[in-house]
Amino acid sequence: MLDDASSPRYQIVPRITKVPTEVKASKETSHFLTRHHTAIVKTKEAKNVADVAAELVLTEKAAEDALQPAKLKQASDRVASVLKMIRSTSNPDTLTHIATTQSPIAFNAALLKEMSVVSRSVDDLAQLHLINRILSASDPSSATTFAHKWAKYFDGGKAPKKRDDLFRTVAHW
């Protein structure tokens, strides 16, 4: 489990999810929002509400599996490397990948640890996110990587590797 040295963390875990009989028997369909890479899109075809409810129950079970002691130990072991990444990376896609896919529990613990000591890294993360959102807004129909967006906006140039250099480049914005 994550110890006090790693950071406090908070997790809200639903204990009982019941799908009402009316929903299970429902023939109602609807278009739902879903995540596709970096974009939120409406499903092309209407999905049965009962099927979506069943998927939500499976998602809940997957979330509970992530909190098993072995998984928490694994996350605890990753906190130091995630902290290093939070403090140094200049690529918002890397942080998003760690936070959502690779190790969300370790990312949460590392971020809370940085917040508890009022680290500059937290401000830097907010600035990186803002830069990423600005580049995304320049071509909202495109779902590409940060490096691709940067190259497109800066006429093929590569994004600076160091965070301070990146911030200096966009300081005039």
N, C-alpha and C. Protein backbone atom coordinates (compact mmCIF):
# COMPACT_ATOMS: atom_id res chain seq x y z
N MET A 1 0.83 -1.19 0.00
CA MET A 1 0.00 0.00 0.00
C MET A 1 0.87 1.25 0.00
N LEU A 2 0.29 2.35 -0.39
CA LEU A 2 1.01 3.61 -0.37
C LEU A 2 1.20 4.03 1.07
N ASP A 3 2.42 4.36 1.44
CA ASP A 3 2.69 4.75 2.81
C ASP A 3 2.69 6.27 2.94
N ASP A 4 2.87 6.73 4.18
CA ASP A 4 2.84 8.17 4.42
C ASP A 4 3.95 8.90 3.68
N ALA A 5 5.07 8.20 3.45
CA ALA A 5 6.18 8.84 2.74
C ALA A 5 5.82 9.12 1.29
N SER A 6 4.95 8.29 0.73
CA SER A 6 4.57 8.50 -0.67
C SER A 6 3.66 9.70 -0.80
N SER A 7 2.66 9.77 0.04
CA SER A 7 1.72 10.88 0.00
C SER A 7 0.37 10.39 0.47
N PRO A 8 -0.42 11.28 1.02
CA PRO A 8 -1.80 10.87 1.28
C PRO A 8 -2.53 10.77 -0.05
N ARG A 9 -3.52 9.96 -0.12
CA ARG A 9 -4.32 9.89 -1.34
C ARG A 9 -5.75 9.62 -0.94
N TYR A 10 -6.65 9.98 -1.80
CA TYR A 10 -8.07 9.83 -1.52
C TYR A 10 -8.71 9.10 -2.68
N GLN A 11 -9.56 8.18 -2.37
CA GLN A 11 -10.22 7.40 -3.41
C GLN A 11 -11.68 7.20 -3.00
N ILE A 12 -12.58 7.56 -3.86
CA ILE A 12 -13.99 7.30 -3.62
C ILE A 12 -14.34 6.03 -4.37
N VAL A 13 -14.79 5.04 -3.64
CA VAL A 13 -15.07 3.75 -4.24
C VAL A 13 -16.54 3.41 -4.02
N PRO A 14 -17.31 3.26 -5.10
CA PRO A 14 -18.70 2.85 -4.92
C PRO A 14 -18.74 1.42 -4.40
N ARG A 15 -19.62 1.14 -3.50
CA ARG A 15 -19.71 -0.19 -2.93
C ARG A 15 -20.82 -1.03 -3.55
N ILE A 16 -21.92 -0.43 -3.82
CA ILE A 16 -23.03 -1.20 -4.38
C ILE A 16 -23.60 -0.42 -5.57
N THR A 17 -23.52 -1.02 -6.71
CA THR A 17 -24.14 -0.43 -7.89
C THR A 17 -25.21 -1.39 -8.34
N LYS A 18 -26.41 -0.91 -8.34
CA LYS A 18 -27.52 -1.75 -8.78
C LYS A 18 -28.14 -1.14 -10.02
N VAL A 19 -28.35 -1.98 -10.99
CA VAL A 19 -29.04 -1.54 -12.19
C VAL A 19 -30.51 -1.91 -12.00
N PRO A 20 -31.39 -0.91 -11.94
CA PRO A 20 -32.81 -1.21 -11.73
C PRO A 20 -33.37 -2.15 -12.80
N THR A 21 -34.35 -2.93 -12.42
CA THR A 21 -34.98 -3.89 -13.33
C THR A 21 -35.52 -3.18 -14.57
N GLU A 22 -36.07 -1.99 -14.37
CA GLU A 22 -36.62 -1.24 -15.49
C GLU A 22 -35.54 -0.92 -16.53
N VAL A 23 -34.34 -0.62 -16.04
CA VAL A 23 -33.24 -0.30 -16.96
C VAL A 23 -32.77 -1.57 -17.66
N LYS A 24 -32.67 -2.67 -16.91
CA LYS A 24 -32.24 -3.94 -17.51
C LYS A 24 -33.18 -4.37 -18.64
N ALA A 25 -34.46 -4.10 -18.46
CA ALA A 25 -35.46 -4.52 -19.44
C ALA A 25 -35.72 -3.46 -20.52
N SER A 26 -35.10 -2.31 -20.36
CA SER A 26 -35.35 -1.20 -21.27
C SER A 26 -34.90 -1.50 -22.69
N LYS A 27 -35.69 -1.03 -23.63
CA LYS A 27 -35.33 -1.12 -25.05
C LYS A 27 -34.89 0.24 -25.57
N GLU A 28 -34.82 1.20 -24.66
CA GLU A 28 -34.45 2.56 -25.03
C GLU A 28 -32.99 2.60 -25.50
N THR A 29 -32.75 3.41 -26.51
CA THR A 29 -31.39 3.60 -27.01
C THR A 29 -31.07 5.09 -27.01
N SER A 30 -29.80 5.38 -26.98
CA SER A 30 -29.38 6.77 -26.98
C SER A 30 -27.94 6.86 -27.49
N HIS A 31 -27.57 8.03 -27.93
CA HIS A 31 -26.18 8.29 -28.30
C HIS A 31 -25.46 8.72 -27.02
N PHE A 32 -24.33 8.11 -26.74
CA PHE A 32 -23.57 8.42 -25.55
C PHE A 32 -22.25 9.06 -25.94
N LEU A 33 -21.67 9.79 -25.00
CA LEU A 33 -20.35 10.37 -25.22
C LEU A 33 -19.30 9.35 -24.82
N THR A 34 -18.23 9.28 -25.58
CA THR A 34 -17.16 8.35 -25.29
C THR A 34 -15.83 9.01 -25.60
N ARG A 35 -14.76 8.49 -25.03
CA ARG A 35 -13.43 9.05 -25.26
C ARG A 35 -12.79 8.31 -26.43
N HIS A 36 -12.27 9.07 -27.38
CA HIS A 36 -11.54 8.50 -28.51
C HIS A 36 -10.21 9.24 -28.59
N HIS A 37 -9.15 8.60 -28.12
CA HIS A 37 -7.83 9.21 -28.01
C HIS A 37 -7.93 10.47 -27.15
N THR A 38 -7.77 11.63 -27.74
CA THR A 38 -7.79 12.87 -26.95
C THR A 38 -9.10 13.63 -27.12
N ALA A 39 -10.06 13.05 -27.80
CA ALA A 39 -11.32 13.76 -28.05
C ALA A 39 -12.49 13.03 -27.41
N ILE A 40 -13.48 13.80 -27.02
CA ILE A 40 -14.74 13.25 -26.53
C ILE A 40 -15.71 13.31 -27.71
N VAL A 41 -16.25 12.17 -28.09
CA VAL A 41 -17.13 12.11 -29.25
C VAL A 41 -18.43 11.41 -28.91
N LYS A 42 -19.45 11.74 -29.66
CA LYS A 42 -20.73 11.07 -29.52
C LYS A 42 -20.67 9.78 -30.33
N THR A 43 -21.22 8.70 -29.78
CA THR A 43 -21.22 7.44 -30.51
C THR A 43 -21.96 7.59 -31.82
N LYS A 44 -21.47 6.89 -32.85
CA LYS A 44 -22.09 7.00 -34.17
C LYS A 44 -23.45 6.34 -34.20
N GLU A 45 -23.55 5.23 -33.49
CA GLU A 45 -24.82 4.51 -33.45
C GLU A 45 -25.39 4.59 -32.04
N ALA A 46 -26.69 4.62 -31.96
CA ALA A 46 -27.35 4.62 -30.66
C ALA A 46 -27.09 3.29 -29.96
N LYS A 47 -26.84 3.36 -28.66
CA LYS A 47 -26.59 2.15 -27.88
C LYS A 47 -27.74 1.92 -26.92
N ASN A 48 -27.99 0.67 -26.64
CA ASN A 48 -29.03 0.29 -25.70
C ASN A 48 -28.63 0.75 -24.30
N VAL A 49 -29.54 1.39 -23.59
CA VAL A 49 -29.26 1.90 -22.26
C VAL A 49 -28.89 0.76 -21.31
N ALA A 50 -29.53 -0.38 -21.43
CA ALA A 50 -29.22 -1.53 -20.57
C ALA A 50 -27.79 -2.01 -20.79
N ASP A 51 -27.33 -2.00 -22.03
CA ASP A 51 -25.95 -2.40 -22.32
C ASP A 51 -24.95 -1.43 -21.71
N VAL A 52 -25.26 -0.15 -21.78
CA VAL A 52 -24.37 0.86 -21.21
C VAL A 52 -24.32 0.71 -19.69
N ALA A 53 -25.46 0.43 -19.07
CA ALA A 53 -25.48 0.21 -17.61
C ALA A 53 -24.61 -0.98 -17.24
N ALA A 54 -24.67 -2.04 -18.02
CA ALA A 54 -23.83 -3.22 -17.76
C ALA A 54 -22.35 -2.88 -17.90
N GLU A 55 -22.01 -2.05 -18.88
CA GLU A 55 -20.61 -1.62 -19.06
C GLU A 55 -20.14 -0.80 -17.87
N LEU A 56 -21.03 0.02 -17.31
CA LEU A 56 -20.67 0.82 -16.14
C LEU A 56 -20.35 -0.06 -14.94
N VAL A 57 -21.11 -1.13 -14.77
CA VAL A 57 -20.86 -2.07 -13.68
C VAL A 57 -19.49 -2.73 -13.87
N LEU A 58 -19.16 -3.10 -15.10
CA LEU A 58 -17.84 -3.68 -15.37
C LEU A 58 -16.72 -2.68 -15.10
N THR A 59 -16.95 -1.42 -15.44
CA THR A 59 -15.97 -0.37 -15.18
C THR A 59 -15.74 -0.21 -13.68
N GLU A 60 -16.82 -0.30 -12.91
CA GLU A 60 -16.70 -0.22 -11.45
C GLU A 60 -15.86 -1.37 -10.92
N LYS A 61 -16.09 -2.56 -11.43
CA LYS A 61 -15.31 -3.73 -10.98
C LYS A 61 -13.84 -3.56 -11.33
N ALA A 62 -13.56 -3.01 -12.50
CA ALA A 62 -12.17 -2.77 -12.89
C ALA A 62 -11.51 -1.75 -11.96
N ALA A 63 -12.27 -0.74 -11.55
CA ALA A 63 -11.73 0.27 -10.62
C ALA A 63 -11.43 -0.37 -9.27
N GLU A 64 -12.29 -1.26 -8.82
CA GLU A 64 -12.05 -1.95 -7.55
C GLU A 64 -10.83 -2.85 -7.65
N ASP A 65 -10.62 -3.48 -8.79
CA ASP A 65 -9.45 -4.34 -8.98
C ASP A 65 -8.16 -3.54 -8.86
N ALA A 66 -8.21 -2.28 -9.28
CA ALA A 66 -7.02 -1.42 -9.21
C ALA A 66 -6.62 -1.12 -7.78
N LEU A 67 -7.52 -1.35 -6.82
CA LEU A 67 -7.23 -1.05 -5.42
C LEU A 67 -6.83 -2.28 -4.62
N GLN A 68 -6.56 -3.38 -5.29
CA GLN A 68 -6.08 -4.58 -4.60
C GLN A 68 -4.69 -4.30 -4.03
N PRO A 69 -4.33 -4.94 -2.90
CA PRO A 69 -3.04 -4.66 -2.26
C PRO A 69 -1.84 -4.77 -3.20
N ALA A 70 -1.82 -5.75 -4.07
CA ALA A 70 -0.68 -5.89 -5.00
C ALA A 70 -0.59 -4.68 -5.94
N LYS A 71 -1.74 -4.19 -6.39
CA LYS A 71 -1.76 -3.03 -7.29
C LYS A 71 -1.31 -1.76 -6.54
N LEU A 72 -1.74 -1.64 -5.28
CA LEU A 72 -1.33 -0.48 -4.49
C LEU A 72 0.17 -0.51 -4.22
N LYS A 73 0.72 -1.68 -3.98
CA LYS A 73 2.17 -1.83 -3.78
C LYS A 73 2.91 -1.43 -5.06
N GLN A 74 2.39 -1.88 -6.18
CA GLN A 74 2.99 -1.54 -7.48
C GLN A 74 2.96 -0.02 -7.69
N ALA A 75 1.83 0.62 -7.35
CA ALA A 75 1.72 2.07 -7.48
C ALA A 75 2.69 2.78 -6.55
N SER A 76 2.82 2.26 -5.33
CA SER A 76 3.73 2.85 -4.35
C SER A 76 5.17 2.83 -4.86
N ASP A 77 5.53 1.73 -5.51
CA ASP A 77 6.88 1.60 -6.06
C ASP A 77 7.13 2.57 -7.22
N ARG A 78 6.08 3.05 -7.85
CA ARG A 78 6.21 3.94 -9.01
C ARG A 78 6.20 5.42 -8.65
N VAL A 79 5.83 5.75 -7.41
CA VAL A 79 5.67 7.16 -7.04
C VAL A 79 6.94 7.96 -7.31
N ALA A 80 8.11 7.43 -6.95
CA ALA A 80 9.37 8.18 -7.15
C ALA A 80 9.61 8.50 -8.62
N SER A 81 9.37 7.53 -9.50
CA SER A 81 9.61 7.79 -10.93
C SER A 81 8.57 8.76 -11.49
N VAL A 82 7.34 8.68 -10.99
CA VAL A 82 6.31 9.61 -11.45
C VAL A 82 6.63 11.03 -10.95
N LEU A 83 7.13 11.13 -9.72
CA LEU A 83 7.55 12.45 -9.21
C LEU A 83 8.62 13.06 -10.10
N LYS A 84 9.58 12.25 -10.50
CA LYS A 84 10.65 12.74 -11.38
C LYS A 84 10.05 13.25 -12.69
N MET A 85 9.08 12.51 -13.22
CA MET A 85 8.44 12.90 -14.48
C MET A 85 7.66 14.21 -14.29
N ILE A 86 6.93 14.32 -13.19
CA ILE A 86 6.16 15.54 -12.92
C ILE A 86 7.09 16.75 -12.83
N ARG A 87 8.26 16.54 -12.24
CA ARG A 87 9.19 17.65 -12.04
C ARG A 87 9.99 18.02 -13.28
N SER A 88 10.03 17.14 -14.29
CA SER A 88 10.94 17.42 -15.40
C SER A 88 10.35 17.42 -16.80
N THR A 89 9.34 16.64 -17.08
CA THR A 89 8.90 16.51 -18.47
C THR A 89 8.32 17.81 -19.02
N SER A 90 8.54 18.01 -20.30
CA SER A 90 7.96 19.19 -20.96
C SER A 90 6.89 18.77 -21.97
N ASN A 91 6.52 17.49 -21.95
CA ASN A 91 5.51 16.98 -22.88
C ASN A 91 4.22 16.64 -22.14
N PRO A 92 3.17 17.42 -22.34
CA PRO A 92 1.91 17.16 -21.65
C PRO A 92 1.31 15.79 -21.97
N ASP A 93 1.58 15.27 -23.17
CA ASP A 93 1.05 13.95 -23.53
C ASP A 93 1.61 12.86 -22.62
N THR A 94 2.87 13.00 -22.23
CA THR A 94 3.48 12.03 -21.32
C THR A 94 2.76 12.03 -19.99
N LEU A 95 2.50 13.22 -19.47
CA LEU A 95 1.81 13.32 -18.19
C LEU A 95 0.39 12.77 -18.28
N THR A 96 -0.29 13.06 -19.36
CA THR A 96 -1.65 12.54 -19.55
C THR A 96 -1.64 11.03 -19.61
N HIS A 97 -0.67 10.46 -20.29
CA HIS A 97 -0.56 9.00 -20.39
C HIS A 97 -0.35 8.37 -19.01
N ILE A 98 0.54 8.95 -18.22
CA ILE A 98 0.79 8.42 -16.88
C ILE A 98 -0.45 8.55 -16.02
N ALA A 99 -1.09 9.71 -16.08
CA ALA A 99 -2.24 9.99 -15.22
C ALA A 99 -3.46 9.15 -15.56
N THR A 100 -3.64 8.80 -16.82
CA THR A 100 -4.87 8.10 -17.21
C THR A 100 -4.68 6.63 -17.49
N THR A 101 -3.52 6.23 -17.93
CA THR A 101 -3.34 4.85 -18.40
C THR A 101 -2.27 4.10 -17.63
N GLN A 102 -1.09 4.67 -17.57
CA GLN A 102 0.05 3.93 -17.05
C GLN A 102 -0.02 3.71 -15.54
N SER A 103 -0.26 4.74 -14.77
CA SER A 103 -0.28 4.59 -13.32
C SER A 103 -1.05 5.72 -12.65
N PRO A 104 -2.38 5.72 -12.76
CA PRO A 104 -3.16 6.82 -12.20
C PRO A 104 -3.04 6.96 -10.68
N ILE A 105 -2.92 5.84 -9.96
CA ILE A 105 -2.82 5.93 -8.50
C ILE A 105 -1.48 6.55 -8.11
N ALA A 106 -0.40 6.14 -8.75
CA ALA A 106 0.91 6.72 -8.46
C ALA A 106 0.94 8.20 -8.85
N PHE A 107 0.31 8.56 -9.96
CA PHE A 107 0.27 9.96 -10.38
C PHE A 107 -0.48 10.79 -9.34
N ASN A 108 -1.61 10.28 -8.87
CA ASN A 108 -2.40 10.98 -7.86
C ASN A 108 -1.58 11.18 -6.59
N ALA A 109 -0.89 10.13 -6.14
CA ALA A 109 -0.07 10.23 -4.93
C ALA A 109 1.07 11.23 -5.12
N ALA A 110 1.74 11.18 -6.26
CA ALA A 110 2.85 12.09 -6.52
C ALA A 110 2.37 13.54 -6.61
N LEU A 111 1.25 13.75 -7.27
CA LEU A 111 0.72 15.11 -7.40
C LEU A 111 0.30 15.66 -6.04
N LEU A 112 -0.34 14.85 -5.22
CA LEU A 112 -0.72 15.30 -3.87
C LEU A 112 0.52 15.63 -3.04
N LYS A 113 1.56 14.84 -3.22
CA LYS A 113 2.81 15.11 -2.50
C LYS A 113 3.39 16.46 -2.93
N GLU A 114 3.41 16.72 -4.21
CA GLU A 114 3.91 18.01 -4.71
C GLU A 114 3.04 19.16 -4.22
N MET A 115 1.73 18.96 -4.19
CA MET A 115 0.83 20.01 -3.73
C MET A 115 1.03 20.29 -2.24
N SER A 116 1.30 19.25 -1.47
CA SER A 116 1.45 19.43 -0.02
C SER A 116 2.69 20.25 0.34
N VAL A 117 3.70 20.26 -0.51
CA VAL A 117 4.90 21.05 -0.25
C VAL A 117 4.93 22.33 -1.09
N VAL A 118 3.82 22.65 -1.73
CA VAL A 118 3.67 23.84 -2.56
C VAL A 118 4.82 23.92 -3.57
N SER A 119 4.97 22.86 -4.33
CA SER A 119 6.04 22.76 -5.31
C SER A 119 5.75 23.59 -6.56
N ARG A 120 6.81 24.12 -7.15
CA ARG A 120 6.68 24.86 -8.40
C ARG A 120 6.15 23.95 -9.51
N SER A 121 6.39 22.65 -9.38
CA SER A 121 5.96 21.70 -10.40
C SER A 121 4.46 21.77 -10.67
N VAL A 122 3.68 22.04 -9.63
CA VAL A 122 2.23 22.11 -9.80
C VAL A 122 1.87 23.28 -10.72
N ASP A 123 2.51 24.42 -10.51
CA ASP A 123 2.29 25.57 -11.40
C ASP A 123 2.74 25.26 -12.82
N ASP A 124 3.88 24.56 -12.92
CA ASP A 124 4.39 24.18 -14.24
C ASP A 124 3.42 23.26 -14.97
N LEU A 125 2.82 22.32 -14.23
CA LEU A 125 1.86 21.41 -14.85
C LEU A 125 0.66 22.18 -15.39
N ALA A 126 0.20 23.16 -14.62
CA ALA A 126 -0.92 23.98 -15.09
C ALA A 126 -0.54 24.74 -16.35
N GLN A 127 0.68 25.27 -16.39
CA GLN A 127 1.13 26.01 -17.57
C GLN A 127 1.29 25.08 -18.77
N LEU A 128 1.84 23.87 -18.55
CA LEU A 128 1.94 22.89 -19.64
C LEU A 128 0.57 22.54 -20.20
N HIS A 129 -0.38 22.36 -19.29
CA HIS A 129 -1.74 22.03 -19.72
C HIS A 129 -2.33 23.17 -20.55
N LEU A 130 -2.10 24.39 -20.11
CA LEU A 130 -2.61 25.55 -20.84
C LEU A 130 -1.99 25.64 -22.24
N ILE A 131 -0.69 25.42 -22.33
CA ILE A 131 -0.02 25.44 -23.64
C ILE A 131 -0.63 24.37 -24.55
N ASN A 132 -0.83 23.19 -24.00
CA ASN A 132 -1.41 22.09 -24.77
C ASN A 132 -2.82 22.44 -25.24
N ARG A 133 -3.62 23.06 -24.38
CA ARG A 133 -4.99 23.44 -24.75
C ARG A 133 -4.98 24.52 -25.82
N ILE A 134 -4.06 25.47 -25.74
CA ILE A 134 -3.97 26.52 -26.76
C ILE A 134 -3.63 25.90 -28.11
N LEU A 135 -2.65 25.00 -28.13
CA LEU A 135 -2.29 24.34 -29.39
C LEU A 135 -3.45 23.51 -29.92
N SER A 136 -4.19 22.87 -29.01
CA SER A 136 -5.34 22.07 -29.43
C SER A 136 -6.44 22.95 -30.01
N ALA A 137 -6.62 24.12 -29.42
CA ALA A 137 -7.66 25.03 -29.90
C ALA A 137 -7.34 25.60 -31.27
N SER A 138 -6.05 25.61 -31.63
CA SER A 138 -5.68 26.15 -32.95
C SER A 138 -6.16 25.25 -34.08
N ASP A 139 -6.41 23.98 -33.78
CA ASP A 139 -6.97 23.05 -34.77
C ASP A 139 -7.83 22.03 -34.03
N PRO A 140 -9.04 22.42 -33.64
CA PRO A 140 -9.86 21.57 -32.78
C PRO A 140 -10.29 20.24 -33.42
N SER A 141 -10.28 20.14 -34.73
CA SER A 141 -10.72 18.90 -35.37
C SER A 141 -9.61 17.85 -35.39
N SER A 142 -8.41 18.25 -35.01
CA SER A 142 -7.26 17.35 -35.06
C SER A 142 -7.04 16.68 -33.71
N ALA A 143 -6.85 15.37 -33.71
CA ALA A 143 -6.54 14.63 -32.49
C ALA A 143 -5.13 14.06 -32.63
N THR A 144 -4.14 14.92 -32.43
CA THR A 144 -2.75 14.51 -32.64
C THR A 144 -1.94 14.71 -31.37
N THR A 145 -0.67 14.36 -31.43
CA THR A 145 0.20 14.49 -30.28
C THR A 145 0.65 15.93 -30.08
N PHE A 146 1.17 16.19 -28.89
CA PHE A 146 1.69 17.52 -28.58
C PHE A 146 2.82 17.89 -29.54
N ALA A 147 3.71 16.94 -29.80
CA ALA A 147 4.85 17.21 -30.71
C ALA A 147 4.36 17.59 -32.10
N HIS A 148 3.32 16.90 -32.58
CA HIS A 148 2.77 17.21 -33.92
C HIS A 148 2.12 18.59 -33.92
N LYS A 149 1.36 18.90 -32.87
CA LYS A 149 0.71 20.21 -32.79
C LYS A 149 1.76 21.32 -32.73
N TRP A 150 2.83 21.08 -31.95
CA TRP A 150 3.89 22.07 -31.82
C TRP A 150 4.55 22.32 -33.18
N ALA A 151 4.90 21.23 -33.86
CA ALA A 151 5.56 21.34 -35.17
C ALA A 151 4.68 22.08 -36.16
N LYS A 152 3.38 21.84 -36.11
CA LYS A 152 2.44 22.50 -37.02
C LYS A 152 2.36 24.00 -36.72
N TYR A 153 2.29 24.34 -35.44
CA TYR A 153 2.15 25.74 -35.05
C TYR A 153 3.44 26.51 -35.26
N PHE A 154 4.59 25.86 -35.01
CA PHE A 154 5.88 26.52 -35.11
C PHE A 154 6.63 26.12 -36.39
N ASP A 155 5.91 25.92 -37.48
CA ASP A 155 6.48 25.64 -38.81
C ASP A 155 7.53 24.53 -38.80
N GLY A 156 7.17 23.40 -38.24
CA GLY A 156 8.04 22.23 -38.29
C GLY A 156 9.09 22.16 -37.21
N GLY A 157 9.16 23.15 -36.36
CA GLY A 157 10.15 23.12 -35.28
C GLY A 157 9.81 22.09 -34.21
N LYS A 158 10.83 21.61 -33.54
CA LYS A 158 10.62 20.65 -32.46
C LYS A 158 10.39 21.40 -31.15
N ALA A 159 9.56 20.83 -30.31
CA ALA A 159 9.31 21.42 -29.00
C ALA A 159 10.58 21.33 -28.16
N PRO A 160 10.90 22.37 -27.40
CA PRO A 160 12.08 22.33 -26.54
C PRO A 160 12.00 21.17 -25.54
N LYS A 161 13.14 20.56 -25.27
CA LYS A 161 13.19 19.42 -24.34
C LYS A 161 13.10 19.88 -22.89
N LYS A 162 13.64 21.06 -22.60
CA LYS A 162 13.64 21.55 -21.23
C LYS A 162 12.43 22.44 -21.00
N ARG A 163 11.84 22.26 -19.84
CA ARG A 163 10.61 22.98 -19.50
C ARG A 163 10.80 24.49 -19.53
N ASP A 164 11.88 24.99 -18.96
CA ASP A 164 12.11 26.44 -18.94
C ASP A 164 12.25 27.01 -20.35
N ASP A 165 12.90 26.25 -21.24
CA ASP A 165 13.03 26.69 -22.63
C ASP A 165 11.66 26.75 -23.31
N LEU A 166 10.83 25.77 -23.02
CA LEU A 166 9.47 25.73 -23.58
C LEU A 166 8.69 26.96 -23.11
N PHE A 167 8.77 27.25 -21.82
CA PHE A 167 8.04 28.39 -21.28
C PHE A 167 8.55 29.71 -21.86
N ARG A 168 9.86 29.83 -22.07
CA ARG A 168 10.41 31.05 -22.68
C ARG A 168 9.90 31.21 -24.12
N THR A 169 9.79 30.09 -24.83
CA THR A 169 9.34 30.15 -26.22
C THR A 169 7.92 30.69 -26.34
N VAL A 170 7.07 30.36 -25.39
CA VAL A 170 5.66 30.78 -25.47
C VAL A 170 5.35 31.98 -24.57
N ALA A 171 6.37 32.57 -23.97
CA ALA A 171 6.15 33.68 -23.02
C ALA A 171 5.42 34.86 -23.66
N HIS A 172 5.58 35.06 -24.96
CA HIS A 172 4.94 36.19 -25.64
C HIS A 172 3.44 35.98 -25.85
N TRP A 173 2.95 34.78 -25.62
CA TRP A 173 1.52 34.52 -25.79
C TRP A 173 0.77 35.32 -24.76
